[in-house]
C-alpha cells in the first residue's frame, strides 16, 4: 500500500525564480524630500515638532518654553492626567461627517482650541506673534496676545486683521498703565480680555536660572558655542528688529525680576470688580485652581474662566486642571464659559477635556514647538495635527459634534484624582466609576 507524502503544496507556495515583471512594482524609489517643509510634513505629532524645535533652537529659549517651576511636578502631573484616562467609544454610528465648530464667548471657533498667551515669543523664533496670529486667523480660531509679547497690540491687529484677537492682561500696580493697555486692546478690536491671576510673584523656573536667561539673550561664551549648532536661529535673531516687550517699555533683565518688579501681589477680587467696570467686552479670568475661586470669579463678573496652573510654571504641585474640571463643570456649566489649558499635547487630550465639561481649550507649548520647528508653517502644522487628531478621535468615539461629547465618553483611571480643592478623592469624578 502506497504511503501518503502529506498534503499537497498549494501552487502559490511553490518556490520559483522571480520574474523581472514581478519585481518592477516593488522597486519604487521615492525622491528624497529635503528642507524645512519636508521636515514639517514628516512631523505627525506635537512631540515630533518638539524634537524639531529642540534641534533648531538655542538651549535658553527652548528651555524657557519647555520647562516649568522647581521640580516641574505640576507639568508632569498635568500631562500624566491626560495619559491616565480611558476613552469609551460608541460603535455603529454614522461618522462620515464631523463638525469641530465650537461656540466660545459669543462667537464660533472652527476648532475647539485657541492659542494661549505666551511671552517673549519672537525669542523662540523670529516670526513670533505674527506667525501665531496669522495661523490662527487662517484656521478660524482665537489668538491671544500676551502683555509680555514681543509684538504690539496694534501690530498683531494689522498682521491678522480678519482674525479673532484676544488680549491677555497682567494688572499692574500702576493702574494708569493698565488702563492704557485696556484702551488699546479695545481700539484694536479685541473682543476678549483675559486677566491672569496666578502670578502674584514669579515661580522658580530653575532651567531659566541655570541658563542665565535674560531678555534679550546675552551673548556669553556658552551662548556663542550653542549658536554654532543653530546658525539659522541666530541669523534670524540678529537680522530682525531687536526683541522688546512691544506693549511695554523696554526692559533688560531676568524674567523673574520683571515679574516681581511689575506685577501686583496685593490683587483681590475687588480689583476684578474694577476691571469688570472698565472693560466692556468678554472678561475671562485665567489661573483658576479651585472650585471656590471659580465660583467667586463668576460672581465678580467673569464671562469665562480658565482652569490653569500656568503650565506648571508658577506653583509646583499645583492642582491638575483636568482633575478639577469635572467638579467645576458640575457647578458652573452653562453659567460661564469653561476653558482649560496646561498639558495639552494631542487632539485626544482636547477631546477628553471637552467630554469632561470644558467648553474650549488653549494650547501654549504645543503652539510654540511648532513655531520653533518652522515659523508660520510650523504653527500651521501644529493646528493641522491637533485638528486631524480631534476629528479622528471623535469619529472613533462615534461622535459627530462637540456638543455630543459627555463624561460617559471618558473614564479617569489611577488611584488619586483630584477633588474640588486638589485633594485626593479616588474615583469621585463624573464618568470615573462607570462599570464596564
Protein backbone atom coordinates (compact mmCIF):
# COMPACT_ATOMS: atom_id res chain seq x y z
CA UNK A 1 0.00 0.00 0.00
CA UNK A 2 1.45 3.37 -1.08
CA UNK A 3 2.18 5.74 1.83
CA UNK A 4 0.87 9.30 1.62
CA UNK A 5 3.55 12.00 1.38
CA UNK A 6 1.38 14.57 3.16
CA UNK A 7 -0.87 17.32 1.88
CA UNK A 8 -0.10 18.80 -1.49
CA UNK A 9 1.71 22.17 -1.53
CA UNK A 10 -0.59 24.88 -2.88
CA UNK A 11 0.69 26.38 -6.16
CA UNK A 12 1.00 29.82 -4.58
CA UNK A 13 3.55 28.47 -2.07
CA UNK A 14 5.79 26.64 -4.54
CA UNK A 15 9.27 28.13 -4.98
CA UNK A 16 10.05 29.78 -8.28
CA UNK A 17 12.52 32.16 -9.84
CA UNK A 18 11.04 35.69 -9.69
CA UNK A 19 10.32 37.40 -12.99
CA UNK A 20 11.56 40.90 -13.70
CA UNK A 21 7.97 41.99 -14.38
CA UNK A 22 7.02 40.87 -10.88
CA UNK A 23 9.86 42.84 -9.28
CA UNK A 24 9.23 46.14 -11.06
CA UNK A 25 6.21 47.26 -8.98
CA UNK A 26 8.18 46.58 -5.78
CA UNK A 27 11.23 48.62 -6.80
CA UNK A 28 9.93 52.17 -6.43
CA UNK A 29 12.47 54.65 -5.18
CA UNK A 30 10.91 57.73 -3.61
CA UNK A 31 12.59 61.02 -4.41
CA UNK A 32 14.11 62.39 -1.19
CA UNK A 33 12.30 65.40 0.27
CA UNK A 34 14.60 67.91 1.92
CA UNK A 35 14.22 71.26 3.62
CA UNK A 36 12.00 72.74 6.33
CA UNK A 37 8.73 71.96 4.55
CA UNK A 38 9.63 68.28 4.25
CA UNK A 39 10.64 68.08 7.91
CA UNK A 40 7.33 69.60 8.99
CA UNK A 41 5.41 67.26 6.70
CA UNK A 42 7.05 64.26 8.37
CA UNK A 43 6.01 65.52 11.82
CA UNK A 44 2.90 63.56 12.79
CA UNK A 45 2.62 64.56 16.46
CA UNK A 46 3.35 67.55 18.66
CA UNK A 47 6.19 65.52 20.14
CA UNK A 48 7.72 65.28 16.65
CA UNK A 49 7.53 69.08 16.41
CA UNK A 50 9.16 69.35 19.82
CA UNK A 51 12.08 67.24 18.60
CA UNK A 52 12.49 69.55 15.59
CA UNK A 53 12.22 72.61 17.81
CA UNK A 54 14.93 71.36 20.14
CA UNK A 55 17.34 70.84 17.26
CA UNK A 56 16.70 74.29 15.79
CA UNK A 57 16.53 76.48 18.91
CA UNK A 58 19.25 77.53 21.37
CA UNK A 59 19.02 75.99 24.81
CA UNK A 60 17.90 79.07 26.76
CA UNK A 61 14.78 79.92 24.70
CA UNK A 62 13.94 76.24 24.20
CA UNK A 63 14.14 75.56 27.93
CA UNK A 64 12.11 78.69 28.66
CA UNK A 65 9.31 77.13 26.60
CA UNK A 66 9.81 73.52 27.61
CA UNK A 67 10.46 73.99 31.30
CA UNK A 68 8.34 74.66 34.37
CA UNK A 69 8.78 75.66 38.00
CA UNK A 70 11.07 73.98 40.52
CA UNK A 71 10.97 70.17 40.07
CA UNK A 72 8.41 70.51 37.22
CA UNK A 73 5.99 68.24 39.07
CA UNK A 74 2.89 70.24 38.13
CA UNK A 75 3.60 69.98 34.41
CA UNK A 76 4.39 66.28 34.64
CA UNK A 77 1.17 65.57 36.53
CA UNK A 78 -0.92 67.60 34.09
CA UNK A 79 0.38 65.59 31.15
CA UNK A 80 0.09 62.32 33.06
CA UNK A 81 -3.58 63.09 33.77
CA UNK A 82 -4.34 63.01 30.05
CA UNK A 83 -2.45 59.74 29.66
CA UNK A 84 -4.18 58.18 32.65
CA UNK A 85 -7.67 58.05 31.18
CA UNK A 86 -9.66 55.69 29.03
CA UNK A 87 -11.99 56.57 26.17
CA UNK A 88 -15.31 54.74 25.97
CA UNK A 89 -16.33 54.63 22.28
CA UNK A 90 -19.76 54.09 20.84
CA UNK A 91 -19.96 51.81 17.80
CA UNK A 92 -22.17 51.64 14.73
CA UNK A 93 -22.60 55.40 14.43
CA UNK A 94 -22.52 57.25 11.13
CA UNK A 95 -19.41 59.44 11.45
CA UNK A 96 -18.77 60.25 7.81
CA UNK A 97 -19.11 63.92 8.65
CA UNK A 98 -17.79 65.55 11.81
CA UNK A 99 -18.11 69.19 12.83
CA UNK A 100 -15.50 70.71 15.13
CA UNK A 101 -17.14 74.15 15.20
CA UNK A 102 -17.29 75.30 18.81
CA UNK A 103 -19.08 78.34 20.27
CA UNK A 104 -16.91 80.28 22.69
CA UNK A 105 -17.61 83.65 24.31
CA UNK A 106 -20.34 84.58 21.87
CA UNK A 107 -18.70 83.51 18.57
CA UNK A 108 -17.84 80.29 16.77
CA UNK A 109 -14.35 78.84 16.56
CA UNK A 110 -13.64 76.43 13.70
CA UNK A 111 -11.81 74.14 16.14
CA UNK A 112 -12.27 73.55 19.89
CA UNK A 113 -8.95 75.17 20.78
CA UNK A 114 -7.23 78.53 20.52
CA UNK A 115 -3.73 79.85 21.05
CA UNK A 116 -2.85 80.78 24.63
CA UNK A 117 -0.88 83.92 25.54
CA UNK A 118 2.89 83.40 25.56
CA UNK A 119 5.53 85.95 26.46
CA UNK A 120 8.76 86.76 24.57
CA UNK A 121 7.51 84.78 21.58
CA UNK A 122 9.88 86.27 18.98
CA UNK A 123 12.72 84.96 21.13
CA UNK A 124 11.60 81.42 20.33
CA UNK A 125 11.51 82.14 16.59
CA UNK A 126 11.72 85.49 14.83
CA UNK A 127 8.20 85.38 13.33
CA UNK A 128 6.78 85.09 16.84
CA UNK A 129 3.34 86.55 17.49
CA UNK A 130 2.91 87.41 13.82
CA UNK A 131 3.09 83.74 12.84
CA UNK A 132 0.77 82.72 15.66
CA UNK A 133 -1.90 85.32 14.97
CA UNK A 134 -1.87 84.76 11.21
CA UNK A 135 -2.02 80.98 11.52
CA UNK A 136 -4.90 81.26 13.99
CA UNK A 137 -6.78 83.63 11.68
CA UNK A 138 -6.31 81.26 8.73
CA UNK A 139 -7.62 78.35 10.82
CA UNK A 140 -10.58 80.31 12.21
CA UNK A 141 -9.54 80.04 15.86
CA UNK A 142 -8.81 82.71 18.52
CA UNK A 143 -5.32 84.03 19.16
CA UNK A 144 -4.30 85.60 22.49
CA UNK A 145 -1.54 88.21 22.70
CA UNK A 146 0.35 88.44 26.00
CA UNK A 147 1.07 91.65 27.87
CA UNK A 148 4.67 90.42 27.70
CA UNK A 149 4.55 89.78 23.97
CA UNK A 150 7.19 90.92 21.52
CA UNK A 151 4.66 92.31 19.04
CA UNK A 152 2.37 95.18 19.93
CA UNK A 153 -1.42 95.06 20.16
CA UNK A 154 -1.66 97.25 17.08
CA UNK A 155 0.89 95.27 15.04
CA UNK A 156 -0.90 91.98 15.72
CA UNK A 157 -4.22 93.52 14.69
CA UNK A 158 -2.61 94.72 11.48
CA UNK A 159 -0.90 91.38 10.81
CA UNK A 160 -4.12 89.39 11.32
CA UNK A 161 -6.96 91.84 10.54
CA UNK A 162 -9.51 89.08 9.92
CA UNK A 163 -8.57 87.06 13.00
CA UNK A 164 -10.29 86.88 16.34
CA UNK A 165 -7.67 88.50 18.55
CA UNK A 166 -7.84 88.40 22.34
CA UNK A 167 -5.57 90.26 24.77
CA UNK A 168 -4.11 88.88 27.99
CA UNK A 169 -3.58 91.40 30.81
CA UNK A 170 -1.43 91.40 33.91
CA UNK A 171 -2.82 94.02 36.28
CA UNK A 172 -0.01 96.33 37.31
CA UNK A 173 0.35 98.32 40.47
CA UNK A 174 0.23 101.31 38.11
CA UNK A 175 -3.47 101.33 37.14
CA UNK A 176 -2.96 104.11 34.59
CA UNK A 177 -0.67 101.84 32.56
CA UNK A 178 -3.19 99.02 32.84
CA UNK A 179 -5.92 101.34 31.60
CA UNK A 180 -3.75 102.34 28.66
CA UNK A 181 -3.37 98.70 27.61
CA UNK A 182 -7.09 98.05 28.07
CA UNK A 183 -7.98 101.04 25.88
CA UNK A 184 -5.50 99.97 23.20
CA UNK A 185 -6.88 96.41 23.18
CA UNK A 186 -10.43 97.71 22.72
CA UNK A 187 -9.37 100.14 19.98
CA UNK A 188 -7.59 97.31 18.11
CA UNK A 189 -10.78 95.24 18.01
CA UNK A 190 -10.04 92.65 20.71
CA UNK A 191 -13.40 91.31 21.93
CA UNK A 192 -11.99 89.42 24.93
CA UNK A 193 -9.75 90.48 27.80
CA UNK A 194 -8.01 87.64 29.61
CA UNK A 195 -6.70 88.64 33.04
CA UNK A 196 -4.10 86.32 34.54
CA UNK A 197 -4.36 85.97 38.32
CA UNK A 198 -1.80 83.33 39.32
CA UNK A 199 1.37 85.46 39.16
CA UNK A 200 1.48 87.37 42.44
CA UNK A 201 5.21 86.64 42.29
CA UNK A 202 7.36 84.72 39.84
CA UNK A 203 7.58 80.96 40.00
CA UNK A 204 11.05 79.45 40.47
CA UNK A 205 11.81 78.42 36.88
CA UNK A 206 15.11 76.75 37.54
CA UNK A 207 16.02 75.98 33.94
CA UNK A 208 15.99 79.73 33.25
CA UNK A 209 18.12 80.40 36.33
CA UNK A 210 20.66 77.78 35.31
CA UNK A 211 20.75 79.05 31.74
CA UNK A 212 21.14 82.65 32.94
CA UNK A 213 18.32 83.61 30.59
CA UNK A 214 17.84 87.33 30.02
CA UNK A 215 15.75 89.40 27.62
CA UNK A 216 17.32 89.80 25.10
CA UNK A 217 19.58 86.72 25.27
CA UNK A 218 23.10 87.59 26.39
CA UNK A 219 25.99 86.67 24.10
CA UNK A 220 28.09 84.77 26.63
CA UNK A 221 30.71 82.21 25.63
CA UNK A 222 28.15 79.50 26.37
CA UNK A 223 25.52 81.01 24.06
CA UNK A 224 28.08 81.56 21.29
CA UNK A 225 29.05 77.88 21.42
CA UNK A 226 25.36 76.92 21.47
CA UNK A 227 24.74 79.19 18.47
CA UNK A 228 27.27 77.34 16.35
CA UNK A 229 24.85 74.40 16.21
CA UNK A 230 21.84 76.58 15.34
CA UNK A 231 23.02 79.22 12.86
CA UNK A 232 19.58 79.79 11.31
CA UNK A 233 18.09 80.88 14.65
CA UNK A 234 20.90 83.35 15.29
CA UNK A 235 20.81 84.69 11.74
CA UNK A 236 17.08 85.41 12.11
CA UNK A 237 17.59 86.85 15.59
CA UNK A 238 20.37 89.22 14.55
CA UNK A 239 18.82 90.38 11.27
CA UNK A 240 15.34 91.29 12.56
CA UNK A 241 14.16 94.08 14.84
CA UNK A 242 15.66 93.72 18.35
CA UNK A 243 13.50 91.99 20.92
CA UNK A 244 11.46 94.20 23.24
CA UNK A 245 8.23 93.94 25.18
CA UNK A 246 6.26 95.64 22.46
CA UNK A 247 3.31 96.65 24.62
CA UNK A 248 5.59 97.85 27.45
CA UNK A 249 8.64 99.99 27.94
CA UNK A 250 11.95 98.38 27.07
CA UNK A 251 13.27 96.18 29.84
CA UNK A 252 16.52 94.30 30.27
CA UNK A 253 16.92 91.68 32.96
CA UNK A 254 15.71 88.26 34.04
CA UNK A 255 12.13 87.12 33.59
CA UNK A 256 11.66 86.71 37.34
CA UNK A 257 12.96 90.22 38.02
CA UNK A 258 10.49 91.64 35.51
CA UNK A 259 7.54 89.83 37.03
CA UNK A 260 8.47 90.75 40.57
CA UNK A 261 9.00 94.41 39.72
CA UNK A 262 5.91 94.87 37.56
CA UNK A 263 3.08 92.70 38.91
CA UNK A 264 0.94 93.44 41.91
CA UNK A 265 0.98 90.91 44.80
CA UNK A 266 -1.88 92.76 46.55
CA UNK A 267 -4.61 91.94 44.00
CA UNK A 268 -8.00 90.86 45.34
CA UNK A 269 -11.45 90.12 43.90
CA UNK A 270 -12.21 93.84 44.33
CA UNK A 271 -9.68 94.50 41.57
CA UNK A 272 -11.66 92.12 39.39
CA UNK A 273 -14.75 94.24 40.09
CA UNK A 274 -12.80 97.32 38.94
CA UNK A 275 -11.72 95.57 35.77
CA UNK A 276 -15.28 94.42 35.06
CA UNK A 277 -16.36 98.04 35.29
CA UNK A 278 -13.82 99.39 32.80
CA UNK A 279 -13.82 96.57 30.21
CA UNK A 280 -17.00 96.26 28.15
CA UNK A 281 -16.15 93.10 26.20
CA UNK A 282 -15.79 89.50 27.35
CA UNK A 283 -13.83 89.20 30.60
CA UNK A 284 -12.02 85.91 31.22
CA UNK A 285 -10.09 85.01 34.37
CA UNK A 286 -7.05 82.77 33.80
CA UNK A 287 -5.36 80.79 36.55
CA UNK A 288 -8.35 79.29 38.40
CA UNK A 289 -7.19 76.35 40.54
CA UNK A 290 -10.03 75.67 42.99
CA UNK A 291 -13.79 75.31 42.71
CA UNK A 292 -14.37 78.09 45.26
CA UNK A 293 -12.29 80.56 43.27
CA UNK A 294 -14.07 79.55 40.06
CA UNK A 295 -17.40 80.43 41.66
CA UNK A 296 -16.08 83.70 43.05
CA UNK A 297 -14.72 84.75 39.67
CA UNK A 298 -18.14 84.24 38.11
CA UNK A 299 -19.81 86.11 40.97
CA UNK A 300 -17.46 89.02 40.31
CA UNK A 301 -18.41 89.29 36.65
CA UNK A 302 -16.26 86.83 34.69
CA UNK A 303 -17.79 85.73 31.39
CA UNK A 304 -15.35 82.85 31.26
CA UNK A 305 -12.82 81.09 33.47
CA UNK A 306 -9.64 79.27 32.53
CA UNK A 307 -8.67 76.29 34.66
CA UNK A 308 -4.90 76.53 34.51
CA UNK A 309 -1.83 76.23 36.69
CA UNK A 310 0.15 78.41 34.27
CA UNK A 311 1.57 75.40 32.51
CA UNK A 312 3.23 74.33 35.74
CA UNK A 313 5.35 77.49 35.66
CA UNK A 314 4.23 79.08 38.92
CA UNK A 315 3.35 76.92 41.97
CA UNK A 316 4.84 73.45 41.72
CA UNK A 317 2.49 70.69 42.91
CA UNK A 318 -0.47 72.90 41.96
CA UNK A 319 -3.84 71.24 41.25
CA UNK A 320 -4.14 69.42 37.92
CA UNK A 321 -6.67 71.33 35.76
CA UNK A 322 -8.09 68.17 34.15
CA UNK A 323 -8.85 66.71 37.59
CA UNK A 324 -10.51 69.93 38.73
CA UNK A 325 -12.58 70.26 35.56
CA UNK A 326 -15.48 67.85 36.28
CA UNK A 327 -16.14 69.48 39.64
CA UNK A 328 -16.21 72.96 38.14
CA UNK A 329 -18.39 71.78 35.26
CA UNK A 330 -20.86 70.20 37.68
CA UNK A 331 -21.34 73.57 39.40
CA UNK A 332 -20.85 76.13 36.62
CA UNK A 333 -21.60 74.51 33.25
CA UNK A 334 -23.93 76.87 31.39
CA UNK A 335 -23.30 79.74 33.83
CA UNK A 336 -19.93 80.70 32.38
CA UNK A 337 -17.61 79.53 29.60
CA UNK A 338 -15.16 76.96 30.99
CA UNK A 339 -11.77 76.84 29.27
CA UNK A 340 -8.89 74.50 30.11
CA UNK A 341 -5.18 74.67 29.47
CA UNK A 342 -1.96 73.04 30.75
CA UNK A 343 -0.65 69.72 29.49
CA UNK A 344 -2.47 69.50 26.14
CA UNK A 345 -0.30 67.73 23.57
CA UNK A 346 -2.79 65.99 21.28
CA UNK A 347 -6.25 66.13 19.82
CA UNK A 348 -7.18 63.26 22.11
CA UNK A 349 -6.31 65.48 25.08
CA UNK A 350 -8.60 68.18 23.70
CA UNK A 351 -11.49 65.75 23.19
CA UNK A 352 -11.06 64.37 26.72
CA UNK A 353 -11.23 67.89 28.19
CA UNK A 354 -14.37 68.68 26.21
CA UNK A 355 -16.01 65.43 27.26
CA UNK A 356 -15.30 66.16 30.93
CA UNK A 357 -17.00 69.54 30.75
CA UNK A 358 -14.73 72.13 29.14
CA UNK A 359 -16.30 74.42 26.55
CA UNK A 360 -12.94 75.19 24.96
CA UNK A 361 -9.20 74.61 25.36
CA UNK A 362 -6.00 76.60 24.86
CA UNK A 363 -2.59 75.46 23.61
CA UNK A 364 0.67 77.11 24.64
CA UNK A 365 3.74 74.89 24.42
CA UNK A 366 2.25 72.86 21.56
CA UNK A 367 1.98 76.05 19.51
CA UNK A 368 5.49 77.20 20.45
CA UNK A 369 7.02 73.86 19.49
CA UNK A 370 5.55 74.31 16.02
CA UNK A 371 6.78 77.90 15.87
CA UNK A 372 10.32 76.91 16.80
CA UNK A 373 10.22 73.99 14.38
CA UNK A 374 9.28 76.07 11.35
CA UNK A 375 7.88 79.56 11.92
CA UNK A 376 4.44 80.25 10.49
CA UNK A 377 4.46 76.94 8.61
CA UNK A 378 5.23 75.16 11.88
CA UNK A 379 2.27 76.80 13.61
CA UNK A 380 0.06 75.78 10.70
CA UNK A 381 1.35 72.24 11.13
CA UNK A 382 0.56 72.29 14.87
CA UNK A 383 -3.01 73.34 14.18
CA UNK A 384 -3.37 70.76 11.38
CA UNK A 385 -2.06 67.92 13.59
CA UNK A 386 -4.33 68.79 16.51
CA UNK A 387 -7.32 69.32 14.23
CA UNK A 388 -6.86 65.97 12.47
CA UNK A 389 -6.38 64.15 15.78
CA UNK A 390 -9.50 65.78 17.20
CA UNK A 391 -11.62 64.71 14.23
CA UNK A 392 -10.26 61.16 14.24
CA UNK A 393 -10.80 60.78 17.98
CA UNK A 394 -14.39 61.98 17.65
CA UNK A 395 -15.04 59.56 14.79
CA UNK A 396 -13.62 56.63 16.74
CA UNK A 397 -15.77 57.62 19.72
CA UNK A 398 -18.82 57.64 17.45
CA UNK A 399 -19.42 61.38 17.83
CA UNK A 400 -20.33 63.91 15.11
CA UNK A 401 -20.40 67.16 17.09
CA UNK A 402 -18.52 68.67 20.01
CA UNK A 403 -21.83 69.10 21.84
CA UNK A 404 -22.35 65.31 21.76
CA UNK A 405 -19.29 64.64 23.93
CA UNK A 406 -20.20 63.75 27.52
CA UNK A 407 -18.42 62.42 30.64
CA UNK A 408 -19.66 58.96 29.63
CA UNK A 409 -17.04 59.03 26.84
CA UNK A 410 -14.15 59.20 29.33
CA UNK A 411 -13.11 57.13 32.30
CA UNK A 412 -10.40 58.58 34.53
CA UNK A 413 -8.01 55.92 35.74
CA UNK A 414 -5.45 55.97 38.55
CA UNK A 415 -5.76 56.00 42.30
CA UNK A 416 -5.58 59.72 43.03
CA UNK A 417 -7.80 62.02 41.01
CA UNK A 418 -8.02 65.49 42.47
CA UNK A 419 -11.08 66.73 44.31
CA UNK A 420 -12.51 70.23 44.02
CA UNK A 421 -9.71 71.73 46.13
CA UNK A 422 -6.95 69.47 44.86
CA UNK A 423 -7.28 66.70 47.47
CA UNK A 424 -7.18 63.02 46.55
CA UNK A 425 -10.65 61.53 46.30
CA UNK A 426 -10.25 58.29 44.38
CA UNK A 427 -12.93 57.83 41.72
CA UNK A 428 -15.43 60.54 42.67
CA UNK A 429 -15.37 62.27 39.27
CA UNK A 430 -18.29 62.10 36.83
CA UNK A 431 -17.58 59.25 34.43
CA UNK A 432 -14.80 57.87 36.63
CA UNK A 433 -16.66 54.98 38.25
CA UNK A 434 -18.63 53.65 35.30
CA UNK A 435 -18.94 49.88 35.22
CA UNK A 436 -17.79 48.24 32.02
